[in-house]
Amino acid sequence: MIFTKLARIVAWMVLVGSVMRIITGIGIATEILGPYEEALRRYGGRAESSGAIIDRGVYALLVAIALGALAEISRSVRGSRE
């Protein structure tokens, strides 16, 4: 039961972080956050482009969805045993 709850918490944290990363990448690409090069240096970390930031966000989003699905499966299996 503890691993199911922990997996759900981690999935939510990764989900929120990945959405924020995607939004940041889009904000840099559309220059909402300032001129492209300056915003990339400020918000992008070591990323070489805004596309790389968006890609990492999408990969993290897929991980969050998979982890959340596994946590839900675990919860439903646990519920059918009791």
C-alpha atoms as a PDB file:
ATOM      1  CA  MET A   1       0.000   0.000   0.000  1.00  0.00           C
ATOM      2  CA  ILE A   2       2.841   2.405   0.777  1.00  0.00           C
ATOM      3  CA  PHE A   3       4.380   1.919  -2.668  1.00  0.00           C
ATOM      4  CA  THR A   4       1.061   2.605  -4.360  1.00  0.00           C
ATOM      5  CA  LYS A   5       0.659   5.883  -2.495  1.00  0.00           C
ATOM      6  CA  LEU A   6       4.284   6.811  -3.107  1.00  0.00           C
ATOM      7  CA  ALA A   7       3.933   6.045  -6.830  1.00  0.00           C
ATOM      8  CA  ARG A   8       0.833   8.234  -7.047  1.00  0.00           C
ATOM      9  CA  ILE A   9       2.598  11.134  -5.332  1.00  0.00           C
ATOM     10  CA  VAL A  10       5.660  10.823  -7.548  1.00  0.00           C
ATOM     11  CA  ALA A  11       3.476  10.558 -10.659  1.00  0.00           C
ATOM     12  CA  TRP A  12       1.680  13.783  -9.751  1.00  0.00           C
ATOM     13  CA  MET A  13       4.954  15.581  -9.041  1.00  0.00           C
ATOM     14  CA  VAL A  14       6.461  14.455 -12.351  1.00  0.00           C
ATOM     15  CA  LEU A  15       3.248  15.402 -14.151  1.00  0.00           C
ATOM     16  CA  VAL A  16       3.263  18.937 -12.772  1.00  0.00           C
ATOM     17  CA  GLY A  17       6.991  19.337 -13.449  1.00  0.00           C
ATOM     18  CA  SER A  18       6.696  18.091 -17.009  1.00  0.00           C
ATOM     19  CA  VAL A  19       3.790  20.404 -17.800  1.00  0.00           C
ATOM     20  CA  MET A  20       5.760  23.331 -16.370  1.00  0.00           C
ATOM     21  CA  ARG A  21       8.761  22.353 -18.518  1.00  0.00           C
ATOM     22  CA  ILE A  22       6.601  22.188 -21.651  1.00  0.00           C
ATOM     23  CA  ILE A  23       5.038  25.564 -20.880  1.00  0.00           C
ATOM     24  CA  THR A  24       8.489  27.057 -20.271  1.00  0.00           C
ATOM     25  CA  GLY A  25       9.761  25.669 -23.579  1.00  0.00           C
ATOM     26  CA  ILE A  26       6.790  27.097 -25.436  1.00  0.00           C
ATOM     27  CA  GLY A  27       7.212  30.427 -23.632  1.00  0.00           C
ATOM     28  CA  ILE A  28      10.851  30.588 -24.712  1.00  0.00           C
ATOM     29  CA  ALA A  29      10.043  29.585 -28.293  1.00  0.00           C
ATOM     30  CA  THR A  30       7.319  32.216 -28.673  1.00  0.00           C
ATOM     31  CA  GLU A  31       9.485  34.836 -26.916  1.00  0.00           C
ATOM     32  CA  ILE A  32       6.845  35.507 -24.270  1.00  0.00           C
ATOM     33  CA  LEU A  33       9.566  35.268 -21.611  1.00  0.00           C
ATOM     34  CA  GLY A  34      11.850  37.707 -23.423  1.00  0.00           C
ATOM     35  CA  PRO A  35      14.276  37.577 -26.329  1.00  0.00           C
ATOM     36  CA  TYR A  36      14.998  33.986 -27.343  1.00  0.00           C
ATOM     37  CA  GLU A  37      18.703  33.720 -26.484  1.00  0.00           C
ATOM     38  CA  GLU A  38      18.342  35.560 -23.168  1.00  0.00           C
ATOM     39  CA  ALA A  39      15.286  33.531 -22.104  1.00  0.00           C
ATOM     40  CA  LEU A  40      17.010  30.297 -23.123  1.00  0.00           C
ATOM     41  CA  ARG A  41      20.016  31.136 -20.960  1.00  0.00           C
ATOM     42  CA  ARG A  42      17.845  32.182 -18.027  1.00  0.00           C
ATOM     43  CA  TYR A  43      15.173  29.462 -18.031  1.00  0.00           C
ATOM     44  CA  GLY A  44      16.662  26.700 -20.164  1.00  0.00           C
ATOM     45  CA  GLY A  45      19.605  25.640 -18.061  1.00  0.00           C
ATOM     46  CA  ARG A  46      21.980  23.649 -20.255  1.00  0.00           C
ATOM     47  CA  ALA A  47      19.430  23.073 -23.024  1.00  0.00           C
ATOM     48  CA  GLU A  48      20.606  23.893 -26.514  1.00  0.00           C
ATOM     49  CA  SER A  49      17.163  24.975 -27.749  1.00  0.00           C
ATOM     50  CA  SER A  50      13.573  25.411 -26.685  1.00  0.00           C
ATOM     51  CA  GLY A  51      12.716  22.264 -28.620  1.00  0.00           C
ATOM     52  CA  ALA A  52      15.017  20.244 -26.375  1.00  0.00           C
ATOM     53  CA  ILE A  53      13.202  21.608 -23.319  1.00  0.00           C
ATOM     54  CA  ILE A  54       9.835  20.666 -24.804  1.00  0.00           C
ATOM     55  CA  ASP A  55      11.136  17.192 -25.716  1.00  0.00           C
ATOM     56  CA  ARG A  56      12.306  16.547 -22.151  1.00  0.00           C
ATOM     57  CA  GLY A  57       8.927  17.720 -20.880  1.00  0.00           C
ATOM     58  CA  VAL A  58       7.082  15.340 -23.189  1.00  0.00           C
ATOM     59  CA  TYR A  59       9.303  12.418 -22.135  1.00  0.00           C
ATOM     60  CA  ALA A  60       8.700  13.229 -18.475  1.00  0.00           C
ATOM     61  CA  LEU A  61       4.962  13.491 -19.193  1.00  0.00           C
ATOM     62  CA  LEU A  62       4.984   9.990 -20.677  1.00  0.00           C
ATOM     63  CA  VAL A  63       6.828   8.674 -17.619  1.00  0.00           C
ATOM     64  CA  ALA A  64       4.282  10.340 -15.331  1.00  0.00           C
ATOM     65  CA  ILE A  65       1.385   8.800 -17.253  1.00  0.00           C
ATOM     66  CA  ALA A  66       2.979   5.332 -17.136  1.00  0.00           C
ATOM     67  CA  LEU A  67       3.743   5.600 -13.419  1.00  0.00           C
ATOM     68  CA  GLY A  68       0.246   6.873 -12.684  1.00  0.00           C
ATOM     69  CA  ALA A  69      -1.280   4.010 -14.671  1.00  0.00           C
ATOM     70  CA  LEU A  70       0.807   1.483 -12.753  1.00  0.00           C
ATOM     71  CA  ALA A  71      -0.249   3.051  -9.459  1.00  0.00           C
ATOM     72  CA  GLU A  72      -3.907   2.865 -10.474  1.00  0.00           C
ATOM     73  CA  ILE A  73      -3.508  -0.779 -11.491  1.00  0.00           C
ATOM     74  CA  SER A  74      -1.872  -1.498  -8.156  1.00  0.00           C
ATOM     75  CA  ARG A  75      -4.684   0.235  -6.319  1.00  0.00           C
ATOM     76  CA  SER A  76      -7.396  -1.627  -8.202  1.00  0.00           C
ATOM     77  CA  VAL A  77      -5.712  -5.004  -7.667  1.00  0.00           C
ATOM     78  CA  ARG A  78      -5.310  -4.269  -3.983  1.00  0.00           C
ATOM     79  CA  GLY A  79      -8.961  -3.245  -3.744  1.00  0.00           C
ATOM     80  CA  SER A  80     -10.229  -6.470  -5.311  1.00  0.00           C
ATOM     81  CA  ARG A  81      -8.368  -8.605  -2.743  1.00  0.00           C
ATOM     82  CA  GLU A  82      -9.997  -7.042   0.292  1.00  0.00           C
END
